[in-house]
Amino acid sequence: MSIDKINFKEAEYFYKSPHALADYSQMQSFSIIKSAIELFSYYGITDFSCRDVKAFFERLGLVQKKNGKVLIPSEKKISGVLECCLTGHGSRLSFQDGIYHIVAWDHRGYACEIRAAADKHLI
């Protein structure tokens, strides 16, 4: 997986802008990690590892308001969140040989947010 496919200007808007619908700086890491998979799906990144997700957060530099620290979840935390997405309906992943694969994931929220921001010339 290459996070180079990600438009970080758009990702930073989604996670950090006061104009975005959600304030990710106040959310729990579980929701934030799941939102990263929505973003990966949008950019066509269907196969990735926990290390890839961690690299995404390192590059994003999202500061959490509750503690003023940059959110860089551990690979163990990322793995725990992603394991919850292996079963169920709608958005889900598969896992083999250390690689997660997006089976189905709804990225409409991210897509709508980015289109609305572009229409308003915010990004």
N, C-alpha and C. Protein backbone atom coordinates (compact mmCIF):
# COMPACT_ATOMS: atom_id res chain seq x y z
N MET A 1 0.85 -1.17 0.00
CA MET A 1 0.00 0.00 0.00
C MET A 1 0.89 1.22 0.00
N SER A 2 0.46 2.21 -0.68
CA SER A 2 1.20 3.46 -0.70
C SER A 2 0.28 4.60 -0.30
N ILE A 3 0.61 5.24 0.81
CA ILE A 3 -0.20 6.39 1.20
C ILE A 3 0.06 7.58 0.29
N ASP A 4 0.98 7.41 -0.66
CA ASP A 4 1.23 8.48 -1.63
C ASP A 4 0.02 8.73 -2.53
N LYS A 5 -0.91 7.78 -2.60
CA LYS A 5 -2.13 7.96 -3.38
C LYS A 5 -3.07 8.98 -2.72
N ILE A 6 -2.87 9.23 -1.45
CA ILE A 6 -3.76 10.10 -0.68
C ILE A 6 -3.46 11.56 -0.95
N ASN A 7 -4.48 12.33 -1.19
CA ASN A 7 -4.35 13.77 -1.31
C ASN A 7 -4.38 14.32 0.12
N PHE A 8 -3.22 14.62 0.68
CA PHE A 8 -3.15 15.04 2.07
C PHE A 8 -3.73 16.42 2.31
N LYS A 9 -3.84 17.23 1.29
CA LYS A 9 -4.51 18.52 1.45
C LYS A 9 -5.99 18.27 1.76
N GLU A 10 -6.60 17.33 1.05
CA GLU A 10 -7.98 16.96 1.32
C GLU A 10 -8.12 16.26 2.67
N ALA A 11 -7.21 15.34 2.96
CA ALA A 11 -7.27 14.61 4.23
C ALA A 11 -7.13 15.57 5.41
N GLU A 12 -6.23 16.52 5.31
CA GLU A 12 -6.05 17.48 6.39
C GLU A 12 -7.31 18.33 6.56
N TYR A 13 -7.95 18.71 5.48
CA TYR A 13 -9.21 19.44 5.58
C TYR A 13 -10.22 18.58 6.34
N PHE A 14 -10.39 17.33 5.93
CA PHE A 14 -11.36 16.42 6.52
C PHE A 14 -11.15 16.27 8.03
N TYR A 15 -9.91 16.12 8.44
CA TYR A 15 -9.62 15.86 9.85
C TYR A 15 -9.41 17.13 10.69
N LYS A 16 -8.98 18.22 10.08
CA LYS A 16 -8.54 19.36 10.87
C LYS A 16 -9.32 20.66 10.68
N SER A 17 -10.06 20.80 9.61
CA SER A 17 -10.69 22.08 9.31
C SER A 17 -11.87 22.37 10.24
N PRO A 18 -11.98 23.60 10.70
CA PRO A 18 -13.16 23.97 11.49
C PRO A 18 -14.43 24.01 10.62
N HIS A 19 -14.28 23.96 9.30
CA HIS A 19 -15.42 23.96 8.38
C HIS A 19 -15.95 22.55 8.14
N ALA A 20 -15.17 21.52 8.49
CA ALA A 20 -15.60 20.14 8.28
C ALA A 20 -16.76 19.81 9.22
N LEU A 21 -17.59 18.86 8.82
CA LEU A 21 -18.76 18.51 9.62
C LEU A 21 -18.41 17.85 10.96
N ALA A 22 -17.36 17.05 10.99
CA ALA A 22 -16.97 16.35 12.22
C ALA A 22 -15.69 16.95 12.79
N ASP A 23 -15.59 16.97 14.10
CA ASP A 23 -14.37 17.43 14.78
C ASP A 23 -13.61 16.20 15.26
N TYR A 24 -12.73 15.71 14.40
CA TYR A 24 -12.00 14.49 14.72
C TYR A 24 -11.03 14.66 15.88
N SER A 25 -10.65 15.88 16.18
CA SER A 25 -9.71 16.10 17.28
C SER A 25 -10.34 15.77 18.62
N GLN A 26 -11.67 15.62 18.67
CA GLN A 26 -12.35 15.30 19.92
C GLN A 26 -12.90 13.87 19.95
N MET A 27 -12.72 13.13 18.88
CA MET A 27 -13.26 11.77 18.82
C MET A 27 -12.32 10.75 19.44
N GLN A 28 -12.90 9.62 19.78
CA GLN A 28 -12.12 8.50 20.29
C GLN A 28 -11.30 7.89 19.15
N SER A 29 -10.17 7.30 19.50
CA SER A 29 -9.27 6.74 18.48
C SER A 29 -9.95 5.64 17.66
N PHE A 30 -10.88 4.89 18.25
CA PHE A 30 -11.59 3.84 17.51
C PHE A 30 -12.26 4.43 16.27
N SER A 31 -13.01 5.50 16.45
CA SER A 31 -13.72 6.13 15.32
C SER A 31 -12.75 6.76 14.33
N ILE A 32 -11.68 7.33 14.84
CA ILE A 32 -10.71 7.97 13.95
C ILE A 32 -10.01 6.94 13.08
N ILE A 33 -9.65 5.81 13.66
CA ILE A 33 -8.99 4.75 12.88
C ILE A 33 -9.94 4.22 11.81
N LYS A 34 -11.21 4.00 12.17
CA LYS A 34 -12.18 3.53 11.18
C LYS A 34 -12.36 4.56 10.06
N SER A 35 -12.30 5.84 10.39
CA SER A 35 -12.46 6.86 9.36
C SER A 35 -11.29 6.83 8.38
N ALA A 36 -10.12 6.43 8.84
CA ALA A 36 -8.96 6.33 7.94
C ALA A 36 -9.21 5.27 6.86
N ILE A 37 -9.92 4.21 7.21
CA ILE A 37 -10.22 3.16 6.23
C ILE A 37 -11.21 3.70 5.20
N GLU A 38 -12.13 4.55 5.63
CA GLU A 38 -13.04 5.22 4.69
C GLU A 38 -12.23 6.04 3.67
N LEU A 39 -11.25 6.74 4.17
CA LEU A 39 -10.39 7.55 3.33
C LEU A 39 -9.57 6.67 2.38
N PHE A 40 -9.00 5.56 2.89
CA PHE A 40 -8.25 4.63 2.04
C PHE A 40 -9.14 4.13 0.91
N SER A 41 -10.37 3.75 1.24
CA SER A 41 -11.31 3.25 0.24
C SER A 41 -11.56 4.31 -0.84
N TYR A 42 -11.75 5.53 -0.45
CA TYR A 42 -11.99 6.63 -1.39
C TYR A 42 -10.85 6.76 -2.40
N TYR A 43 -9.62 6.61 -1.93
CA TYR A 43 -8.45 6.77 -2.80
C TYR A 43 -8.04 5.47 -3.49
N GLY A 44 -8.85 4.42 -3.37
CA GLY A 44 -8.57 3.17 -4.06
C GLY A 44 -7.49 2.33 -3.41
N ILE A 45 -7.20 2.58 -2.16
CA ILE A 45 -6.22 1.78 -1.42
C ILE A 45 -6.99 0.64 -0.75
N THR A 46 -6.95 -0.53 -1.35
CA THR A 46 -7.76 -1.63 -0.85
C THR A 46 -6.98 -2.62 0.00
N ASP A 47 -5.67 -2.61 -0.09
CA ASP A 47 -4.83 -3.52 0.69
C ASP A 47 -3.83 -2.71 1.50
N PHE A 48 -3.75 -3.00 2.79
CA PHE A 48 -2.88 -2.22 3.67
C PHE A 48 -2.58 -3.00 4.94
N SER A 49 -1.56 -2.58 5.63
CA SER A 49 -1.17 -3.19 6.91
C SER A 49 -1.40 -2.19 8.04
N CYS A 50 -1.27 -2.65 9.26
CA CYS A 50 -1.35 -1.75 10.42
C CYS A 50 -0.25 -0.70 10.34
N ARG A 51 0.89 -1.08 9.84
CA ARG A 51 2.01 -0.13 9.69
C ARG A 51 1.64 0.99 8.72
N ASP A 52 0.90 0.67 7.67
CA ASP A 52 0.45 1.68 6.72
C ASP A 52 -0.49 2.69 7.38
N VAL A 53 -1.41 2.18 8.19
CA VAL A 53 -2.35 3.05 8.89
C VAL A 53 -1.58 3.96 9.86
N LYS A 54 -0.62 3.39 10.55
CA LYS A 54 0.19 4.20 11.47
C LYS A 54 0.96 5.28 10.71
N ALA A 55 1.52 4.93 9.56
CA ALA A 55 2.26 5.90 8.74
C ALA A 55 1.33 7.03 8.29
N PHE A 56 0.09 6.70 7.97
CA PHE A 56 -0.89 7.72 7.60
C PHE A 56 -1.07 8.72 8.74
N PHE A 57 -1.26 8.22 9.96
CA PHE A 57 -1.46 9.12 11.09
C PHE A 57 -0.20 9.91 11.44
N GLU A 58 0.96 9.30 11.25
CA GLU A 58 2.20 10.04 11.48
C GLU A 58 2.29 11.23 10.54
N ARG A 59 1.95 11.01 9.29
CA ARG A 59 2.02 12.09 8.30
C ARG A 59 0.91 13.12 8.49
N LEU A 60 -0.28 12.68 8.91
CA LEU A 60 -1.41 13.58 9.10
C LEU A 60 -1.16 14.56 10.25
N GLY A 61 -0.63 14.08 11.36
CA GLY A 61 -0.35 14.96 12.50
C GLY A 61 -1.59 15.53 13.16
N LEU A 62 -2.60 14.71 13.39
CA LEU A 62 -3.85 15.14 14.02
C LEU A 62 -3.64 15.31 15.52
N VAL A 63 -3.81 16.52 16.01
CA VAL A 63 -3.66 16.79 17.44
C VAL A 63 -5.02 16.63 18.12
N GLN A 64 -5.05 15.83 19.19
CA GLN A 64 -6.28 15.62 19.94
C GLN A 64 -6.43 16.73 20.98
N LYS A 65 -7.62 17.30 21.05
CA LYS A 65 -7.88 18.41 21.97
C LYS A 65 -7.80 17.99 23.43
N LYS A 66 -8.19 16.74 23.74
CA LYS A 66 -8.25 16.33 25.14
C LYS A 66 -6.88 16.31 25.81
N ASN A 67 -5.83 16.04 25.04
CA ASN A 67 -4.50 15.97 25.66
C ASN A 67 -3.43 16.79 24.93
N GLY A 68 -3.79 17.39 23.83
CA GLY A 68 -2.85 18.23 23.09
C GLY A 68 -1.74 17.46 22.41
N LYS A 69 -1.88 16.14 22.28
CA LYS A 69 -0.85 15.31 21.66
C LYS A 69 -1.28 14.86 20.27
N VAL A 70 -0.29 14.61 19.44
CA VAL A 70 -0.55 14.09 18.10
C VAL A 70 -1.00 12.63 18.24
N LEU A 71 -2.09 12.31 17.54
CA LEU A 71 -2.60 10.93 17.56
C LEU A 71 -1.78 10.07 16.61
N ILE A 72 -1.02 9.17 17.19
CA ILE A 72 -0.33 8.14 16.41
C ILE A 72 -0.61 6.83 17.12
N PRO A 73 -1.69 6.16 16.72
CA PRO A 73 -2.05 4.91 17.40
C PRO A 73 -1.01 3.83 17.16
N SER A 74 -0.86 2.98 18.16
CA SER A 74 0.08 1.85 18.04
C SER A 74 -0.49 0.83 17.04
N GLU A 75 0.39 0.01 16.51
CA GLU A 75 -0.07 -1.03 15.60
C GLU A 75 -1.01 -2.00 16.31
N LYS A 76 -0.80 -2.21 17.60
CA LYS A 76 -1.68 -3.09 18.39
C LYS A 76 -3.08 -2.48 18.47
N LYS A 77 -3.17 -1.18 18.73
CA LYS A 77 -4.47 -0.50 18.79
C LYS A 77 -5.15 -0.54 17.42
N ILE A 78 -4.40 -0.27 16.38
CA ILE A 78 -4.96 -0.30 15.02
C ILE A 78 -5.49 -1.69 14.70
N SER A 79 -4.70 -2.70 15.02
CA SER A 79 -5.11 -4.08 14.78
C SER A 79 -6.40 -4.41 15.52
N GLY A 80 -6.51 -3.97 16.76
CA GLY A 80 -7.72 -4.22 17.54
C GLY A 80 -8.95 -3.60 16.92
N VAL A 81 -8.81 -2.39 16.42
CA VAL A 81 -9.94 -1.72 15.76
C VAL A 81 -10.29 -2.44 14.47
N LEU A 82 -9.29 -2.76 13.67
CA LEU A 82 -9.55 -3.39 12.38
C LEU A 82 -10.14 -4.79 12.53
N GLU A 83 -9.78 -5.49 13.60
CA GLU A 83 -10.36 -6.81 13.84
C GLU A 83 -11.87 -6.73 14.03
N CYS A 84 -12.34 -5.62 14.56
CA CYS A 84 -13.79 -5.43 14.72
C CYS A 84 -14.50 -5.27 13.39
N CYS A 85 -13.76 -5.00 12.35
CA CYS A 85 -14.33 -4.77 11.02
C CYS A 85 -14.27 -6.01 10.14
N LEU A 86 -13.84 -7.14 10.69
CA LEU A 86 -13.70 -8.35 9.88
C LEU A 86 -15.02 -9.07 9.66
N THR A 87 -15.99 -8.80 10.51
CA THR A 87 -17.29 -9.44 10.38
C THR A 87 -18.36 -8.37 10.33
N GLY A 88 -19.53 -8.77 10.00
CA GLY A 88 -20.64 -7.83 9.99
C GLY A 88 -21.12 -7.53 8.60
N HIS A 89 -22.03 -6.61 8.54
CA HIS A 89 -22.66 -6.23 7.28
C HIS A 89 -22.15 -4.86 6.86
N GLY A 90 -22.33 -4.54 5.62
CA GLY A 90 -21.91 -3.22 5.14
C GLY A 90 -20.40 -3.13 5.04
N SER A 91 -19.83 -2.18 5.72
CA SER A 91 -18.38 -1.97 5.68
C SER A 91 -17.66 -3.10 6.39
N ARG A 92 -16.74 -3.75 5.67
CA ARG A 92 -15.98 -4.84 6.32
C ARG A 92 -14.67 -5.09 5.60
N LEU A 93 -13.79 -5.75 6.32
CA LEU A 93 -12.45 -6.08 5.84
C LEU A 93 -12.25 -7.58 5.87
N SER A 94 -11.23 -8.03 5.15
CA SER A 94 -10.73 -9.39 5.31
C SER A 94 -9.26 -9.26 5.70
N PHE A 95 -8.68 -10.36 6.17
CA PHE A 95 -7.30 -10.31 6.66
C PHE A 95 -6.59 -11.59 6.27
N GLN A 96 -5.39 -11.44 5.69
CA GLN A 96 -4.58 -12.60 5.35
C GLN A 96 -3.12 -12.19 5.28
N ASP A 97 -2.27 -12.97 5.92
CA ASP A 97 -0.82 -12.76 5.88
C ASP A 97 -0.39 -11.34 6.28
N GLY A 98 -1.04 -10.79 7.29
CA GLY A 98 -0.67 -9.47 7.79
C GLY A 98 -1.21 -8.31 6.99
N ILE A 99 -2.03 -8.59 5.99
CA ILE A 99 -2.58 -7.53 5.13
C ILE A 99 -4.11 -7.53 5.25
N TYR A 100 -4.64 -6.34 5.47
CA TYR A 100 -6.09 -6.15 5.47
C TYR A 100 -6.52 -5.80 4.05
N HIS A 101 -7.69 -6.28 3.68
CA HIS A 101 -8.26 -6.01 2.36
C HIS A 101 -9.67 -5.46 2.56
N ILE A 102 -9.97 -4.36 1.90
CA ILE A 102 -11.32 -3.80 1.98
C ILE A 102 -12.25 -4.63 1.10
N VAL A 103 -13.17 -5.33 1.74
CA VAL A 103 -14.18 -6.12 1.03
C VAL A 103 -15.29 -5.18 0.58
N ALA A 104 -15.75 -4.36 1.51
CA ALA A 104 -16.79 -3.36 1.23
C ALA A 104 -16.63 -2.25 2.25
N TRP A 105 -16.65 -1.02 1.78
CA TRP A 105 -16.52 0.11 2.71
C TRP A 105 -17.21 1.32 2.10
N ASP A 106 -18.03 1.96 2.86
CA ASP A 106 -18.76 3.13 2.41
C ASP A 106 -17.89 4.37 2.62
N HIS A 107 -17.51 5.02 1.54
CA HIS A 107 -16.69 6.23 1.66
C HIS A 107 -17.46 7.47 1.22
N ARG A 108 -18.78 7.36 1.18
CA ARG A 108 -19.59 8.50 0.73
C ARG A 108 -19.47 9.71 1.64
N GLY A 109 -19.30 9.51 2.95
CA GLY A 109 -19.15 10.64 3.86
C GLY A 109 -17.93 11.47 3.53
N TYR A 110 -16.81 10.80 3.32
CA TYR A 110 -15.58 11.50 2.96
C TYR A 110 -15.74 12.18 1.60
N ALA A 111 -16.29 11.47 0.64
CA ALA A 111 -16.47 12.01 -0.71
C ALA A 111 -17.35 13.26 -0.70
N CYS A 112 -18.46 13.22 0.04
CA CYS A 112 -19.36 14.37 0.12
C CYS A 112 -18.67 15.56 0.78
N GLU A 113 -17.94 15.30 1.83
CA GLU A 113 -17.23 16.37 2.55
C GLU A 113 -16.20 17.04 1.64
N ILE A 114 -15.45 16.25 0.90
CA ILE A 114 -14.41 16.79 0.03
C ILE A 114 -15.03 17.56 -1.14
N ARG A 115 -16.10 17.02 -1.73
CA ARG A 115 -16.77 17.73 -2.83
C ARG A 115 -17.35 19.07 -2.36
N ALA A 116 -17.97 19.06 -1.18
CA ALA A 116 -18.56 20.30 -0.65
C ALA A 116 -17.45 21.34 -0.39
N ALA A 117 -16.34 20.90 0.15
CA ALA A 117 -15.22 21.82 0.41
C ALA A 117 -14.65 22.38 -0.89
N ALA A 118 -14.53 21.52 -1.89
CA ALA A 118 -14.02 21.98 -3.19
C ALA A 118 -14.98 22.98 -3.83
N ASP A 119 -16.28 22.72 -3.74
CA ASP A 119 -17.27 23.63 -4.30
C ASP A 119 -17.20 25.00 -3.65
N LYS A 120 -16.86 25.03 -2.37
CA LYS A 120 -16.76 26.30 -1.63
C LYS A 120 -15.36 26.89 -1.69
N HIS A 121 -14.47 26.22 -2.44
CA HIS A 121 -13.07 26.65 -2.60
C HIS A 121 -12.32 26.68 -1.27
N LEU A 122 -12.65 25.72 -0.40
CA LEU A 122 -11.96 25.62 0.90
C LEU A 122 -10.71 24.77 0.81
N ILE A 123 -10.62 23.97 -0.26
CA ILE A 123 -9.41 23.17 -0.50
C ILE A 123 -8.99 23.31 -1.94
